[in-house]
Amino acid sequence: MRNILIIGATSAIAETTARRFAVAGARFYLVGRNAEKLAAIARDLEIRSGQPIARESMDLDQLNLHPALLERAEQVLGGIDVAFIAHGILPDQAACQQSVEKTLAAIQTNALSAISLATLLANTFEQRGRGILIVISSVAGDRGRQSNYVYGAAKGMLNLFLQGLRNRLSEKGVQVLTIKPGFVDTPMTAAFEKKGLLWAQPDQIAKGIVAAVERGRDEVYLPGFWRWIMLVIRHIPEGIFKRLKL
């Protein structure tokens, strides 16, 4: 049985992934901003797992609260085996372009908050000599595009941080797994027109996450075809790329 901490547990991807872990009898500590939604998810997981579910709501942008949060999770679970960082926002690019405050707020939530939590968890796992750290990033972090470069910059920062963390912990018995989803039909993408083969459902991503954990993977694009799409996008010469409306 695994003791699993899920941060950002009310996100659609986190919720569906938790359901897949629950059928194996995992124990959970759930963290999210929306207390009402968090309670509903906890009740569902209790039925699926047959285990009582601990939870708390908090603003994860308050980095000073992170150490105490992780201490509480450790105490309740009796140790964390798997930590899943899944919180984030999709900022309004046009609004960010006109506001330094909004740009920095988006980077705080999508990068700095996750980096803070990952640092603390990594240190605990390293001392223990075991642990699995799963972090949701995005294909948007692979190259800056005019349509979402604030979000992409935050995810790019997170990707590089996790690469270095993985390199540091590779011989310490700790798995650091970066998840890079493409377009996913979730409340966060509610404003998008969700048509075409590029769009995935949250449970497709959840299935890929569980498989990546079981296989000891380092980084996965979900669905897998995004690896090849982003390979092409990363290699378009800058002189051509800057003229594209992406």
C-alpha atoms as a PDB file:
ATOM      1  CA  MET A   1       0.000   0.000   0.000  1.00  0.00           C
ATOM      2  CA  ARG A   2       1.293   3.449  -0.904  1.00  0.00           C
ATOM      3  CA  ASN A   3       0.878   6.645   1.087  1.00  0.00           C
ATOM      4  CA  ILE A   4       0.169   9.321  -1.514  1.00  0.00           C
ATOM      5  CA  LEU A   5       0.183  13.097  -1.107  1.00  0.00           C
ATOM      6  CA  ILE A   6      -1.710  14.874  -3.887  1.00  0.00           C
ATOM      7  CA  ILE A   7      -1.255  18.638  -4.127  1.00  0.00           C
ATOM      8  CA  GLY A   8      -3.795  20.221  -6.418  1.00  0.00           C
ATOM      9  CA  ALA A   9      -6.135  17.287  -5.846  1.00  0.00           C
ATOM     10  CA  THR A  10      -9.164  19.088  -7.292  1.00  0.00           C
ATOM     11  CA  SER A  11      -7.652  19.275 -10.779  1.00  0.00           C
ATOM     12  CA  ALA A  12      -9.294  16.909 -13.265  1.00  0.00           C
ATOM     13  CA  ILE A  13      -6.051  15.044 -13.992  1.00  0.00           C
ATOM     14  CA  ALA A  14      -5.203  14.635 -10.296  1.00  0.00           C
ATOM     15  CA  GLU A  15      -8.707  13.411  -9.478  1.00  0.00           C
ATOM     16  CA  THR A  16      -8.777  10.754 -12.185  1.00  0.00           C
ATOM     17  CA  THR A  17      -5.229   9.632 -11.347  1.00  0.00           C
ATOM     18  CA  ALA A  18      -6.170   9.298  -7.675  1.00  0.00           C
ATOM     19  CA  ARG A  19      -9.072   7.040  -8.628  1.00  0.00           C
ATOM     20  CA  ARG A  20      -6.657   4.694 -10.386  1.00  0.00           C
ATOM     21  CA  PHE A  21      -4.363   4.601  -7.352  1.00  0.00           C
ATOM     22  CA  ALA A  22      -7.347   4.120  -5.041  1.00  0.00           C
ATOM     23  CA  VAL A  23      -8.341   0.752  -6.496  1.00  0.00           C
ATOM     24  CA  ALA A  24      -4.991  -0.592  -5.277  1.00  0.00           C
ATOM     25  CA  GLY A  25      -5.859   0.495  -1.721  1.00  0.00           C
ATOM     26  CA  ALA A  26      -3.659   3.592  -1.530  1.00  0.00           C
ATOM     27  CA  ARG A  27      -3.942   6.009   1.384  1.00  0.00           C
ATOM     28  CA  PHE A  28      -4.215   9.706   0.541  1.00  0.00           C
ATOM     29  CA  TYR A  29      -3.589  13.169   1.888  1.00  0.00           C
ATOM     30  CA  LEU A  30      -5.342  15.609  -0.425  1.00  0.00           C
ATOM     31  CA  VAL A  31      -4.580  19.311  -0.752  1.00  0.00           C
ATOM     32  CA  GLY A  32      -6.545  21.809  -2.827  1.00  0.00           C
ATOM     33  CA  ARG A  33      -7.937  25.325  -2.871  1.00  0.00           C
ATOM     34  CA  ASN A  34     -11.671  24.529  -3.138  1.00  0.00           C
ATOM     35  CA  ALA A  35     -12.733  22.944   0.165  1.00  0.00           C
ATOM     36  CA  GLU A  36     -16.172  21.849  -1.058  1.00  0.00           C
ATOM     37  CA  LYS A  37     -14.852  20.118  -4.158  1.00  0.00           C
ATOM     38  CA  LEU A  38     -12.010  18.592  -2.133  1.00  0.00           C
ATOM     39  CA  ALA A  39     -14.524  17.068   0.287  1.00  0.00           C
ATOM     40  CA  ALA A  40     -16.503  15.524  -2.570  1.00  0.00           C
ATOM     41  CA  ILE A  41     -13.365  13.984  -4.086  1.00  0.00           C
ATOM     42  CA  ALA A  42     -12.329  12.628  -0.690  1.00  0.00           C
ATOM     43  CA  ARG A  43     -15.701  10.934  -0.208  1.00  0.00           C
ATOM     44  CA  ASP A  44     -15.437   9.294  -3.620  1.00  0.00           C
ATOM     45  CA  LEU A  45     -11.910   8.024  -2.912  1.00  0.00           C
ATOM     46  CA  GLU A  46     -12.943   6.652   0.475  1.00  0.00           C
ATOM     47  CA  ILE A  47     -15.507   4.464  -1.257  1.00  0.00           C
ATOM     48  CA  ARG A  48     -13.046   3.336  -3.930  1.00  0.00           C
ATOM     49  CA  SER A  49     -10.097   2.655  -1.629  1.00  0.00           C
ATOM     50  CA  GLY A  50     -11.834   1.571   1.561  1.00  0.00           C
ATOM     51  CA  GLN A  51      -9.515   3.947   3.419  1.00  0.00           C
ATOM     52  CA  PRO A  52     -10.239   7.174   5.337  1.00  0.00           C
ATOM     53  CA  ILE A  53      -9.043  10.183   3.326  1.00  0.00           C
ATOM     54  CA  ALA A  54      -7.297  13.132   4.990  1.00  0.00           C
ATOM     55  CA  ARG A  55      -7.534  16.507   3.311  1.00  0.00           C
ATOM     56  CA  GLU A  56      -6.964  20.224   3.761  1.00  0.00           C
ATOM     57  CA  SER A  57      -7.578  23.330   1.698  1.00  0.00           C
ATOM     58  CA  MET A  58      -4.983  26.063   1.351  1.00  0.00           C
ATOM     59  CA  ASP A  59      -3.534  28.693  -0.954  1.00  0.00           C
ATOM     60  CA  LEU A  60      -0.413  27.062  -2.361  1.00  0.00           C
ATOM     61  CA  ASP A  61       0.970  30.415  -3.487  1.00  0.00           C
ATOM     62  CA  GLN A  62       1.867  31.040   0.167  1.00  0.00           C
ATOM     63  CA  LEU A  63       5.263  29.379   0.026  1.00  0.00           C
ATOM     64  CA  ASN A  64       5.939  29.935   3.730  1.00  0.00           C
ATOM     65  CA  LEU A  65       3.128  27.470   4.535  1.00  0.00           C
ATOM     66  CA  HIS A  66       4.670  24.599   2.572  1.00  0.00           C
ATOM     67  CA  PRO A  67       6.967  23.132   5.272  1.00  0.00           C
ATOM     68  CA  ALA A  68       4.142  22.837   7.800  1.00  0.00           C
ATOM     69  CA  LEU A  69       1.833  21.355   5.170  1.00  0.00           C
ATOM     70  CA  LEU A  70       4.290  18.581   4.381  1.00  0.00           C
ATOM     71  CA  GLU A  71       4.893  17.912   8.061  1.00  0.00           C
ATOM     72  CA  ARG A  72       1.156  17.424   8.614  1.00  0.00           C
ATOM     73  CA  ALA A  73       0.925  15.076   5.643  1.00  0.00           C
ATOM     74  CA  GLU A  74       3.888  13.066   6.925  1.00  0.00           C
ATOM     75  CA  GLN A  75       2.349  12.729  10.377  1.00  0.00           C
ATOM     76  CA  VAL A  76      -1.094  11.728   9.148  1.00  0.00           C
ATOM     77  CA  LEU A  77       0.146   9.210   6.580  1.00  0.00           C
ATOM     78  CA  GLY A  78       3.057   7.939   8.628  1.00  0.00           C
ATOM     79  CA  GLY A  79       5.404   8.839   5.798  1.00  0.00           C
ATOM     80  CA  ILE A  80       4.929   9.861   2.150  1.00  0.00           C
ATOM     81  CA  ASP A  81       5.741   7.288  -0.528  1.00  0.00           C
ATOM     82  CA  VAL A  82       4.432   9.216  -3.529  1.00  0.00           C
ATOM     83  CA  ALA A  83       3.989  12.977  -3.913  1.00  0.00           C
ATOM     84  CA  PHE A  84       1.954  14.243  -6.859  1.00  0.00           C
ATOM     85  CA  ILE A  85       2.145  17.989  -7.596  1.00  0.00           C
ATOM     86  CA  ALA A  86      -0.714  18.832  -9.928  1.00  0.00           C
ATOM     87  CA  HIS A  87      -1.850  22.380  -9.200  1.00  0.00           C
ATOM     88  CA  GLY A  88      -1.663  25.249 -11.664  1.00  0.00           C
ATOM     89  CA  ILE A  89      -3.569  27.876 -13.613  1.00  0.00           C
ATOM     90  CA  LEU A  90      -3.851  28.805 -17.276  1.00  0.00           C
ATOM     91  CA  PRO A  91      -3.358  32.591 -17.295  1.00  0.00           C
ATOM     92  CA  ASP A  92      -4.834  35.044 -19.783  1.00  0.00           C
ATOM     93  CA  GLN A  93      -1.870  35.766 -22.050  1.00  0.00           C
ATOM     94  CA  ALA A  94      -3.253  39.098 -23.282  1.00  0.00           C
ATOM     95  CA  ALA A  95      -3.854  40.272 -19.709  1.00  0.00           C
ATOM     96  CA  CYS A  96      -0.369  39.200 -18.646  1.00  0.00           C
ATOM     97  CA  GLN A  97       1.172  41.162 -21.499  1.00  0.00           C
ATOM     98  CA  GLN A  98      -0.301  44.320 -19.996  1.00  0.00           C
ATOM     99  CA  SER A  99       0.484  43.543 -16.371  1.00  0.00           C
ATOM    100  CA  VAL A 100       3.749  42.641 -14.673  1.00  0.00           C
ATOM    101  CA  GLU A 101       1.737  41.739 -11.572  1.00  0.00           C
ATOM    102  CA  LYS A 102      -0.383  39.178 -13.441  1.00  0.00           C
ATOM    103  CA  THR A 103       2.665  37.753 -15.191  1.00  0.00           C
ATOM    104  CA  LEU A 104       4.519  37.230 -11.925  1.00  0.00           C
ATOM    105  CA  ALA A 105       1.412  35.782 -10.269  1.00  0.00           C
ATOM    106  CA  ALA A 106       1.152  33.182 -13.039  1.00  0.00           C
ATOM    107  CA  ILE A 107       4.823  32.278 -12.635  1.00  0.00           C
ATOM    108  CA  GLN A 108       4.385  32.079  -8.861  1.00  0.00           C
ATOM    109  CA  THR A 109       1.579  29.533  -9.176  1.00  0.00           C
ATOM    110  CA  ASN A 110       2.834  27.484 -12.116  1.00  0.00           C
ATOM    111  CA  ALA A 111       6.550  27.423 -11.332  1.00  0.00           C
ATOM    112  CA  LEU A 112       7.724  28.798  -7.998  1.00  0.00           C
ATOM    113  CA  SER A 113       5.065  27.118  -5.888  1.00  0.00           C
ATOM    114  CA  ALA A 114       5.750  23.736  -7.476  1.00  0.00           C
ATOM    115  CA  ILE A 115       9.524  24.249  -7.173  1.00  0.00           C
ATOM    116  CA  SER A 116       9.179  25.071  -3.474  1.00  0.00           C
ATOM    117  CA  LEU A 117       7.193  21.912  -2.788  1.00  0.00           C
ATOM    118  CA  ALA A 118       9.441  19.751  -4.964  1.00  0.00           C
ATOM    119  CA  THR A 119      12.544  20.995  -3.148  1.00  0.00           C
ATOM    120  CA  LEU A 120      11.153  20.108   0.269  1.00  0.00           C
ATOM    121  CA  LEU A 121       9.831  16.729  -0.841  1.00  0.00           C
ATOM    122  CA  ALA A 122      13.045  15.850  -2.666  1.00  0.00           C
ATOM    123  CA  ASN A 123      15.101  16.514   0.439  1.00  0.00           C
ATOM    124  CA  THR A 124      12.849  14.245   2.501  1.00  0.00           C
ATOM    125  CA  PHE A 125      12.961  11.476  -0.100  1.00  0.00           C
ATOM    126  CA  GLU A 126      16.732  11.792  -0.449  1.00  0.00           C
ATOM    127  CA  GLN A 127      17.260  11.404   3.288  1.00  0.00           C
ATOM    128  CA  ARG A 128      14.960   8.376   3.299  1.00  0.00           C
ATOM    129  CA  GLY A 129      16.548   6.822   0.212  1.00  0.00           C
ATOM    130  CA  ARG A 130      13.234   6.259  -1.548  1.00  0.00           C
ATOM    131  CA  GLY A 131      10.190   8.072  -2.898  1.00  0.00           C
ATOM    132  CA  ILE A 132       8.371   9.032  -6.071  1.00  0.00           C
ATOM    133  CA  LEU A 133       7.828  12.655  -7.062  1.00  0.00           C
ATOM    134  CA  ILE A 134       5.353  13.254  -9.893  1.00  0.00           C
ATOM    135  CA  VAL A 135       4.907  16.765 -11.265  1.00  0.00           C
ATOM    136  CA  ILE A 136       2.465  17.982 -13.911  1.00  0.00           C
ATOM    137  CA  SER A 137       4.150  20.314 -16.387  1.00  0.00           C
ATOM    138  CA  SER A 138       3.101  20.920 -19.999  1.00  0.00           C
ATOM    139  CA  VAL A 139       4.238  20.677 -23.603  1.00  0.00           C
ATOM    140  CA  ALA A 140       3.958  24.491 -23.514  1.00  0.00           C
ATOM    141  CA  GLY A 141       7.280  24.582 -21.659  1.00  0.00           C
ATOM    142  CA  ASP A 142       9.199  23.159 -24.622  1.00  0.00           C
ATOM    143  CA  ARG A 143       9.208  26.376 -26.664  1.00  0.00           C
ATOM    144  CA  GLY A 144       7.915  29.905 -26.188  1.00  0.00           C
ATOM    145  CA  ARG A 145       4.949  30.758 -28.413  1.00  0.00           C
ATOM    146  CA  GLN A 146       3.162  34.088 -28.686  1.00  0.00           C
ATOM    147  CA  SER A 147      -0.193  32.592 -27.707  1.00  0.00           C
ATOM    148  CA  ASN A 148       0.904  31.438 -24.221  1.00  0.00           C
ATOM    149  CA  TYR A 149       4.513  32.347 -23.503  1.00  0.00           C
ATOM    150  CA  VAL A 150       3.890  33.390 -19.890  1.00  0.00           C
ATOM    151  CA  TYR A 151       2.450  29.977 -19.085  1.00  0.00           C
ATOM    152  CA  GLY A 152       5.125  28.343 -21.232  1.00  0.00           C
ATOM    153  CA  ALA A 153       7.921  30.229 -19.468  1.00  0.00           C
ATOM    154  CA  ALA A 154       6.694  28.998 -16.080  1.00  0.00           C
ATOM    155  CA  LYS A 155       6.479  25.416 -17.298  1.00  0.00           C
ATOM    156  CA  GLY A 156       9.861  25.695 -19.007  1.00  0.00           C
ATOM    157  CA  MET A 157      11.390  26.808 -15.703  1.00  0.00           C
ATOM    158  CA  LEU A 158       9.726  23.884 -13.955  1.00  0.00           C
ATOM    159  CA  ASN A 159      10.970  21.417 -16.591  1.00  0.00           C
ATOM    160  CA  LEU A 160      14.581  22.505 -16.207  1.00  0.00           C
ATOM    161  CA  PHE A 161      14.341  22.404 -12.425  1.00  0.00           C
ATOM    162  CA  LEU A 162      12.987  18.854 -12.512  1.00  0.00           C
ATOM    163  CA  GLN A 163      15.710  17.782 -14.952  1.00  0.00           C
ATOM    164  CA  GLY A 164      18.350  18.956 -12.527  1.00  0.00           C
ATOM    165  CA  LEU A 165      16.562  17.422  -9.560  1.00  0.00           C
ATOM    166  CA  ARG A 166      16.315  14.108 -11.380  1.00  0.00           C
ATOM    167  CA  ASN A 167      20.014  14.232 -12.211  1.00  0.00           C
ATOM    168  CA  ARG A 168      20.844  14.916  -8.565  1.00  0.00           C
ATOM    169  CA  LEU A 169      18.623  12.140  -7.196  1.00  0.00           C
ATOM    170  CA  SER A 170      19.161   9.494  -9.864  1.00  0.00           C
ATOM    171  CA  GLU A 171      21.384   7.402  -7.577  1.00  0.00           C
ATOM    172  CA  LYS A 172      19.451   8.114  -4.379  1.00  0.00           C
ATOM    173  CA  GLY A 173      16.514   5.775  -4.911  1.00  0.00           C
ATOM    174  CA  VAL A 174      14.160   8.617  -5.812  1.00  0.00           C
ATOM    175  CA  GLN A 175      12.085   8.772  -9.006  1.00  0.00           C
ATOM    176  CA  VAL A 176      11.397  12.260 -10.367  1.00  0.00           C
ATOM    177  CA  LEU A 177       8.734  12.070 -13.050  1.00  0.00           C
ATOM    178  CA  THR A 178       7.832  15.018 -15.294  1.00  0.00           C
ATOM    179  CA  ILE A 179       4.429  14.784 -16.957  1.00  0.00           C
ATOM    180  CA  LYS A 180       3.958  16.849 -20.133  1.00  0.00           C
ATOM    181  CA  PRO A 181       0.326  16.754 -21.269  1.00  0.00           C
ATOM    182  CA  GLY A 182      -0.851  18.336 -24.495  1.00  0.00           C
ATOM    183  CA  PHE A 183      -4.429  19.537 -24.926  1.00  0.00           C
ATOM    184  CA  VAL A 184      -6.678  18.014 -22.237  1.00  0.00           C
ATOM    185  CA  ASP A 185     -10.423  18.509 -21.877  1.00  0.00           C
ATOM    186  CA  THR A 186     -10.599  19.954 -18.343  1.00  0.00           C
ATOM    187  CA  PRO A 187     -12.253  22.937 -16.647  1.00  0.00           C
ATOM    188  CA  MET A 188      -8.944  24.810 -17.059  1.00  0.00           C
ATOM    189  CA  THR A 189      -9.364  24.668 -20.849  1.00  0.00           C
ATOM    190  CA  ALA A 190     -13.094  25.450 -20.807  1.00  0.00           C
ATOM    191  CA  ALA A 191     -12.666  28.475 -23.095  1.00  0.00           C
ATOM    192  CA  PHE A 192     -11.066  26.414 -25.874  1.00  0.00           C
ATOM    193  CA  GLU A 193     -12.840  24.781 -28.788  1.00  0.00           C
ATOM    194  CA  LYS A 194     -12.190  21.129 -28.026  1.00  0.00           C
ATOM    195  CA  LYS A 195     -12.251  19.441 -31.376  1.00  0.00           C
ATOM    196  CA  GLY A 196      -9.847  17.188 -33.202  1.00  0.00           C
ATOM    197  CA  LEU A 197      -7.520  14.291 -32.525  1.00  0.00           C
ATOM    198  CA  LEU A 198      -5.086  16.368 -30.448  1.00  0.00           C
ATOM    199  CA  TRP A 199      -7.504  16.598 -27.508  1.00  0.00           C
ATOM    200  CA  ALA A 200      -7.381  14.000 -24.730  1.00  0.00           C
ATOM    201  CA  GLN A 201      -9.607  13.192 -21.763  1.00  0.00           C
ATOM    202  CA  PRO A 202      -8.260  13.379 -18.173  1.00  0.00           C
ATOM    203  CA  ASP A 203      -8.496   9.615 -17.666  1.00  0.00           C
ATOM    204  CA  GLN A 204      -6.255   9.028 -20.688  1.00  0.00           C
ATOM    205  CA  ILE A 205      -3.627  11.164 -18.989  1.00  0.00           C
ATOM    206  CA  ALA A 206      -4.197   9.406 -15.660  1.00  0.00           C
ATOM    207  CA  LYS A 207      -3.649   6.021 -17.281  1.00  0.00           C
ATOM    208  CA  GLY A 208      -0.374   7.264 -18.752  1.00  0.00           C
ATOM    209  CA  ILE A 209       0.770   8.652 -15.396  1.00  0.00           C
ATOM    210  CA  VAL A 210       0.180   5.372 -13.570  1.00  0.00           C
ATOM    211  CA  ALA A 211       1.993   3.457 -16.320  1.00  0.00           C
ATOM    212  CA  ALA A 212       4.948   5.882 -16.193  1.00  0.00           C
ATOM    213  CA  VAL A 213       5.262   5.422 -12.432  1.00  0.00           C
ATOM    214  CA  GLU A 214       5.171   1.642 -12.725  1.00  0.00           C
ATOM    215  CA  ARG A 215       7.814   1.669 -15.472  1.00  0.00           C
ATOM    216  CA  GLY A 216      10.140   4.043 -13.610  1.00  0.00           C
ATOM    217  CA  ARG A 217      10.026   6.657 -16.364  1.00  0.00           C
ATOM    218  CA  ASP A 218      11.681  10.082 -16.086  1.00  0.00           C
ATOM    219  CA  GLU A 219       9.628  12.226 -18.459  1.00  0.00           C
ATOM    220  CA  VAL A 220       6.533  11.438 -20.492  1.00  0.00           C
ATOM    221  CA  TYR A 221       4.486  13.288 -23.085  1.00  0.00           C
ATOM    222  CA  LEU A 222       0.795  12.438 -22.834  1.00  0.00           C
ATOM    223  CA  PRO A 223      -0.635  11.309 -25.139  1.00  0.00           C
ATOM    224  CA  GLY A 224       2.658  10.005 -26.485  1.00  0.00           C
ATOM    225  CA  PHE A 225       2.348  11.554 -29.938  1.00  0.00           C
ATOM    226  CA  TRP A 226       3.128  14.957 -28.408  1.00  0.00           C
ATOM    227  CA  ARG A 227       6.770  13.904 -28.128  1.00  0.00           C
ATOM    228  CA  TRP A 228       7.027  13.950 -31.927  1.00  0.00           C
ATOM    229  CA  ILE A 229       4.971  17.104 -32.362  1.00  0.00           C
ATOM    230  CA  MET A 230       7.180  18.992 -29.922  1.00  0.00           C
ATOM    231  CA  LEU A 231      10.340  17.535 -31.471  1.00  0.00           C
ATOM    232  CA  VAL A 232       9.365  19.210 -34.738  1.00  0.00           C
ATOM    233  CA  ILE A 233       8.358  22.482 -33.043  1.00  0.00           C
ATOM    234  CA  ARG A 234      11.616  22.686 -31.079  1.00  0.00           C
ATOM    235  CA  HIS A 235      13.669  22.295 -34.237  1.00  0.00           C
ATOM    236  CA  ILE A 236      11.987  24.919 -36.411  1.00  0.00           C
ATOM    237  CA  PRO A 237      14.632  27.626 -37.043  1.00  0.00           C
ATOM    238  CA  GLU A 238      13.955  30.792 -35.065  1.00  0.00           C
ATOM    239  CA  GLY A 239      13.888  32.923 -38.209  1.00  0.00           C
ATOM    240  CA  ILE A 240      10.926  30.916 -39.456  1.00  0.00           C
ATOM    241  CA  PHE A 241       9.346  30.248 -36.066  1.00  0.00           C
ATOM    242  CA  LYS A 242       8.974  33.891 -35.120  1.00  0.00           C
ATOM    243  CA  ARG A 243       6.800  34.442 -38.187  1.00  0.00           C
ATOM    244  CA  LEU A 244       4.400  31.633 -37.304  1.00  0.00           C
ATOM    245  CA  LYS A 245       1.113  32.370 -35.534  1.00  0.00           C
ATOM    246  CA  LEU A 246       1.393  29.739 -32.827  1.00  0.00           C
END
